[in-house]
C-alpha atoms as a PDB file:
ATOM      1  CA  MET A   1     -29.544  18.070 -17.261  1.00  0.00           C
ATOM      2  CA  ASP A   2     -31.235  14.830 -15.545  1.00  0.00           C
ATOM      3  CA  ASP A   3     -31.589  12.153 -17.932  1.00  0.00           C
ATOM      4  CA  GLU A   4     -36.222  13.138 -19.410  1.00  0.00           C
ATOM      5  CA  GLN A   5     -34.318  15.642 -20.411  1.00  0.00           C
ATOM      6  CA  GLU A   6     -31.662  14.719 -22.516  1.00  0.00           C
ATOM      7  CA  GLY A   7     -34.346  12.210 -24.259  1.00  0.00           C
ATOM      8  CA  ARG A   8     -32.600   8.968 -22.586  1.00  0.00           C
ATOM      9  CA  GLU A   9     -35.231   7.034 -20.409  1.00  0.00           C
ATOM     10  CA  PRO A  10     -34.207   7.175 -16.605  1.00  0.00           C
ATOM     11  CA  ILE A  11     -32.943   4.545 -14.622  1.00  0.00           C
ATOM     12  CA  ASN A  12     -35.414   2.259 -13.041  1.00  0.00           C
ATOM     13  CA  TYR A  13     -34.378   1.321  -9.446  1.00  0.00           C
ATOM     14  CA  SER A  14     -36.519  -0.807  -8.406  1.00  0.00           C
ATOM     15  CA  PRO A  15     -36.066  -3.960  -6.536  1.00  0.00           C
ATOM     16  CA  GLU A  16     -37.970  -6.169  -8.721  1.00  0.00           C
ATOM     17  CA  ASN A  17     -35.824  -4.560 -11.695  1.00  0.00           C
ATOM     18  CA  ILE A  18     -32.423  -4.631  -9.371  1.00  0.00           C
ATOM     19  CA  THR A  19     -32.270  -8.474 -10.569  1.00  0.00           C
ATOM     20  CA  LYS A  20     -34.376  -8.482 -13.409  1.00  0.00           C
ATOM     21  CA  ASP A  21     -32.115  -9.179 -15.803  1.00  0.00           C
ATOM     22  CA  MET A  22     -29.730 -10.896 -12.789  1.00  0.00           C
ATOM     23  CA  ASN A  23     -28.916 -14.622 -13.227  1.00  0.00           C
ATOM     24  CA  PRO A  24     -27.966 -15.400  -9.548  1.00  0.00           C
ATOM     25  CA  GLU A  25     -27.220 -18.574 -10.493  1.00  0.00           C
ATOM     26  CA  ALA A  26     -24.812 -17.996 -12.582  1.00  0.00           C
ATOM     27  CA  HIS A  27     -21.171 -18.823 -11.850  1.00  0.00           C
ATOM     28  CA  ILE A  28     -19.036 -16.258 -10.091  1.00  0.00           C
ATOM     29  CA  GLU A  29     -16.041 -16.451 -12.711  1.00  0.00           C
ATOM     30  CA  THR A  30     -18.176 -14.388 -15.595  1.00  0.00           C
ATOM     31  CA  ILE A  31     -18.575 -11.225 -13.334  1.00  0.00           C
ATOM     32  CA  MET A  32     -14.994 -11.386 -11.106  1.00  0.00           C
ATOM     33  CA  THR A  33     -11.851  -9.229 -12.299  1.00  0.00           C
ATOM     34  CA  SER A  34      -9.288 -12.105 -12.891  1.00  0.00           C
ATOM     35  CA  ARG A  35      -5.955 -11.728 -12.622  1.00  0.00           C
ATOM     36  CA  PRO A  36      -6.215  -7.826 -10.098  1.00  0.00           C
ATOM     37  CA  VAL A  37      -3.569  -6.445  -8.528  1.00  0.00           C
ATOM     38  CA  THR A  38      -1.615  -8.509  -5.728  1.00  0.00           C
ATOM     39  CA  ILE A  39       0.474  -7.253  -3.066  1.00  0.00           C
ATOM     40  CA  GLY A  40       2.837  -9.619  -0.772  1.00  0.00           C
ATOM     41  CA  PRO A  41       2.383  -9.947   3.719  1.00  0.00           C
ATOM     42  CA  ASP A  42       5.932  -8.206   3.649  1.00  0.00           C
ATOM     43  CA  GLN A  43       5.638  -5.250   1.806  1.00  0.00           C
ATOM     44  CA  SER A  44       5.278  -2.167   3.075  1.00  0.00           C
ATOM     45  CA  MET A  45       2.327   0.143   3.198  1.00  0.00           C
ATOM     46  CA  ASP A  46       4.806   2.624   1.140  1.00  0.00           C
ATOM     47  CA  ARG A  47       3.510   0.115  -2.050  1.00  0.00           C
ATOM     48  CA  VAL A  48      -0.212   0.240  -1.082  1.00  0.00           C
ATOM     49  CA  HIS A  49      -0.194   3.762  -1.260  1.00  0.00           C
ATOM     50  CA  GLU A  50       1.496   3.178  -4.949  1.00  0.00           C
ATOM     51  CA  ILE A  51      -1.302   1.243  -6.036  1.00  0.00           C
ATOM     52  CA  PHE A  52      -4.317   2.288  -5.044  1.00  0.00           C
ATOM     53  CA  CYS A  53      -2.876   5.806  -6.117  1.00  0.00           C
ATOM     54  CA  THR A  54      -1.808   3.979  -9.329  1.00  0.00           C
ATOM     55  CA  TYR A  55      -5.045   1.217 -10.496  1.00  0.00           C
ATOM     56  CA  ASN A  56      -8.940   3.252  -9.580  1.00  0.00           C
ATOM     57  CA  ILE A  57      -9.586   0.231  -6.759  1.00  0.00           C
ATOM     58  CA  HIS A  58     -10.296  -0.420  -3.273  1.00  0.00           C
ATOM     59  CA  HIS A  59      -9.295  -4.238  -2.703  1.00  0.00           C
ATOM     60  CA  ILE A  60      -5.986  -5.753  -2.872  1.00  0.00           C
ATOM     61  CA  PRO A  61      -5.930  -9.398  -2.226  1.00  0.00           C
ATOM     62  CA  VAL A  62      -2.962 -10.590   0.372  1.00  0.00           C
ATOM     63  CA  VAL A  63      -0.688 -13.259  -1.472  1.00  0.00           C
ATOM     64  CA  ASP A  64       2.387 -15.149  -0.433  1.00  0.00           C
ATOM     65  CA  PRO A  65       4.858 -16.501  -3.086  1.00  0.00           C
ATOM     66  CA  SER A  66       2.168 -19.444  -3.992  1.00  0.00           C
ATOM     67  CA  ASP A  67      -0.062 -16.965  -4.876  1.00  0.00           C
ATOM     68  CA  ARG A  68      -2.268 -18.422  -2.401  1.00  0.00           C
ATOM     69  CA  VAL A  69      -4.763 -15.850  -0.691  1.00  0.00           C
ATOM     70  CA  VAL A  70      -3.255 -15.274   2.663  1.00  0.00           C
ATOM     71  CA  GLY A  71      -5.416 -11.317   3.853  1.00  0.00           C
ATOM     72  CA  MET A  72      -6.803  -8.665   1.772  1.00  0.00           C
ATOM     73  CA  ILE A  73      -6.605  -4.508   2.243  1.00  0.00           C
ATOM     74  CA  SER A  74      -9.242  -2.106   1.775  1.00  0.00           C
ATOM     75  CA  LYS A  75      -8.607   1.398   1.218  1.00  0.00           C
ATOM     76  CA  ALA A  76     -10.383   2.112   4.514  1.00  0.00           C
ATOM     77  CA  ASP A  77      -7.947   0.319   5.844  1.00  0.00           C
ATOM     78  CA  TYR A  78      -5.692   2.733   4.117  1.00  0.00           C
ATOM     79  CA  TYR A  79      -7.401   5.785   5.260  1.00  0.00           C
ATOM     80  CA  LYS A  80      -7.329   4.937   8.643  1.00  0.00           C
ATOM     81  CA  LEU A  81      -3.101   5.270   9.192  1.00  0.00           C
ATOM     82  CA  GLN A  82      -3.004   8.105   7.103  1.00  0.00           C
ATOM     83  CA  ASN A  83      -2.701  11.796   8.826  1.00  0.00           C
ATOM     84  CA  SER A  84      -6.521  13.920   9.111  1.00  0.00           C
ATOM     85  CA  PHE A  85      -4.666  16.428   7.549  1.00  0.00           C
ATOM     86  CA  THR A  86      -3.384  14.651   4.599  1.00  0.00           C
ATOM     87  CA  LEU A  87      -7.023  16.202   3.872  1.00  0.00           C
ATOM     88  CA  PHE A  88      -5.042  19.358   3.020  1.00  0.00           C
ATOM     89  CA  GLY A  89      -2.339  18.972   1.649  1.00  0.00           C
ATOM     90  CA  ARG A  90      -0.330  19.565   4.316  1.00  0.00           C
ATOM     91  CA  LYS A  91       3.536  18.747   3.606  1.00  0.00           C
ATOM     92  CA  GLN A  92       4.169  17.526   7.117  1.00  0.00           C
ATOM     93  CA  ALA A  93       1.490  15.574   6.611  1.00  0.00           C
ATOM     94  CA  GLN A  94       2.308  13.240   3.541  1.00  0.00           C
ATOM     95  CA  LYS A  95       5.420  13.306   5.245  1.00  0.00           C
ATOM     96  CA  PHE A  96       4.207  11.508   7.973  1.00  0.00           C
ATOM     97  CA  ASN A  97       2.518   9.252   5.583  1.00  0.00           C
ATOM     98  CA  GLN A  98       6.047   8.636   3.606  1.00  0.00           C
ATOM     99  CA  ALA A  99       7.143   7.591   6.718  1.00  0.00           C
ATOM    100  CA  VAL A 100       4.321   5.640   8.300  1.00  0.00           C
ATOM    101  CA  PHE A 101       3.502   3.701   5.100  1.00  0.00           C
ATOM    102  CA  GLU A 102       7.314   3.081   5.099  1.00  0.00           C
ATOM    103  CA  SER A 103       7.692   1.315   8.394  1.00  0.00           C
ATOM    104  CA  ILE A 104       4.639  -0.766   8.520  1.00  0.00           C
ATOM    105  CA  LEU A 105       4.284  -4.466   6.927  1.00  0.00           C
ATOM    106  CA  VAL A 106       0.456  -5.267   4.737  1.00  0.00           C
ATOM    107  CA  LYS A 107       0.425  -8.592   7.271  1.00  0.00           C
ATOM    108  CA  GLU A 108       0.625  -5.779  10.302  1.00  0.00           C
ATOM    109  CA  VAL A 109      -2.790  -4.035   8.384  1.00  0.00           C
ATOM    110  CA  MET A 110      -4.501  -6.259   6.317  1.00  0.00           C
ATOM    111  CA  SER A 111      -7.591  -7.945   7.146  1.00  0.00           C
ATOM    112  CA  PRO A 112      -6.150 -11.915   7.509  1.00  0.00           C
ATOM    113  CA  GLN A 113      -9.750 -14.321   8.019  1.00  0.00           C
ATOM    114  CA  LEU A 114     -11.495 -14.205   5.121  1.00  0.00           C
ATOM    115  CA  VAL A 115     -14.659 -15.541   3.142  1.00  0.00           C
ATOM    116  CA  MET A 116     -13.380 -16.826  -0.169  1.00  0.00           C
ATOM    117  CA  LEU A 117     -15.385 -18.506  -2.592  1.00  0.00           C
ATOM    118  CA  HIS A 118     -14.464 -20.126  -6.326  1.00  0.00           C
ATOM    119  CA  PRO A 119     -15.199 -19.471  -9.772  1.00  0.00           C
ATOM    120  CA  GLU A 120     -17.816 -22.122 -10.124  1.00  0.00           C
ATOM    121  CA  ASP A 121     -19.466 -20.890  -6.958  1.00  0.00           C
ATOM    122  CA  GLU A 122     -22.789 -18.878  -7.879  1.00  0.00           C
ATOM    123  CA  ILE A 123     -23.421 -14.868  -7.468  1.00  0.00           C
ATOM    124  CA  GLY A 124     -26.442 -15.008  -5.616  1.00  0.00           C
ATOM    125  CA  VAL A 125     -24.277 -17.109  -3.240  1.00  0.00           C
ATOM    126  CA  ALA A 126     -21.633 -14.111  -3.831  1.00  0.00           C
ATOM    127  CA  ALA A 127     -24.217 -11.458  -3.571  1.00  0.00           C
ATOM    128  CA  GLY A 128     -25.395 -13.125   0.337  1.00  0.00           C
ATOM    129  CA  ILE A 129     -22.996 -13.037   1.273  1.00  0.00           C
ATOM    130  CA  PHE A 130     -22.001  -9.588   0.573  1.00  0.00           C
ATOM    131  CA  LYS A 131     -25.490  -8.490   1.708  1.00  0.00           C
ATOM    132  CA  GLU A 132     -25.153  -9.943   5.279  1.00  0.00           C
ATOM    133  CA  ASN A 133     -21.122  -8.915   6.053  1.00  0.00           C
ATOM    134  CA  LEU A 134     -20.002  -5.217   6.128  1.00  0.00           C
ATOM    135  CA  PHE A 135     -17.357  -6.074   3.539  1.00  0.00           C
ATOM    136  CA  HIS A 136     -17.377  -5.412  -0.420  1.00  0.00           C
ATOM    137  CA  ALA A 137     -14.965  -7.495  -2.122  1.00  0.00           C
ATOM    138  CA  ILE A 138     -14.426 -11.656  -2.097  1.00  0.00           C
ATOM    139  CA  PRO A 139     -11.040 -13.493  -3.215  1.00  0.00           C
ATOM    140  CA  ILE A 140     -12.300 -16.048  -5.843  1.00  0.00           C
ATOM    141  CA  VAL A 141     -10.039 -19.066  -5.141  1.00  0.00           C
ATOM    142  CA  ASP A 142      -8.897 -22.388  -6.968  1.00  0.00           C
ATOM    143  CA  GLU A 143      -8.870 -25.652  -4.542  1.00  0.00           C
ATOM    144  CA  ASP A 144      -5.329 -25.078  -3.941  1.00  0.00           C
ATOM    145  CA  LYS A 145      -6.165 -21.009  -2.304  1.00  0.00           C
ATOM    146  CA  ARG A 146      -4.834 -19.717  -5.509  1.00  0.00           C
ATOM    147  CA  LEU A 147      -6.511 -16.173  -5.954  1.00  0.00           C
ATOM    148  CA  VAL A 148      -8.275 -16.566  -9.294  1.00  0.00           C
ATOM    149  CA  GLY A 149      -9.928 -13.362  -9.170  1.00  0.00           C
ATOM    150  CA  ILE A 150     -11.937 -10.774  -6.480  1.00  0.00           C
ATOM    151  CA  LEU A 151     -15.317 -10.265  -6.778  1.00  0.00           C
ATOM    152  CA  SER A 152     -16.835  -6.961  -5.442  1.00  0.00           C
ATOM    153  CA  THR A 153     -19.881  -5.203  -4.514  1.00  0.00           C
ATOM    154  CA  TYR A 154     -19.199  -2.983  -7.856  1.00  0.00           C
ATOM    155  CA  ASP A 155     -18.923  -6.374 -10.523  1.00  0.00           C
ATOM    156  CA  LEU A 156     -22.755  -7.223  -8.846  1.00  0.00           C
ATOM    157  CA  LEU A 157     -23.907  -3.911  -9.695  1.00  0.00           C
ATOM    158  CA  SER A 158     -22.594  -3.765 -12.791  1.00  0.00           C
ATOM    159  CA  TYR A 159     -24.104  -7.616 -13.751  1.00  0.00           C
ATOM    160  CA  ALA A 160     -27.063  -5.775 -12.370  1.00  0.00           C
ATOM    161  CA  PHE A 161     -26.750  -2.915 -14.394  1.00  0.00           C
END
């Protein structure tokens, strides 16, 4: 049943309405996810598997013991390592995945070169970065590059609507 049939007004997704209530000058800290799930560079991809199976997230910041950001693992990176027969629930594929994930370290798969922003940076700056690049999450760091949050395109969409 569509929105009109349920008595609700349909959402207008036209470009002029997307930013109607969004203040691009607001600080990122107002919409970022604070204290995101993280992983260390020397952990195995098996731990990445556990995280993605446990949490509804698509990006995991990789941090050193001082919480400084050294990379990012995306769900796309994770999927590239999986056996294609995983989709069919085959036990052989699951065993293969287990062996692969246990033998590969996060630092061998992560993206080490990242754009990072600060909590005081403007949301409009982040939106521009997302528009110009092919990634969907930005680590938010303090002046010492210690992780304080993560901003995703989902956070921006939630803010805009």
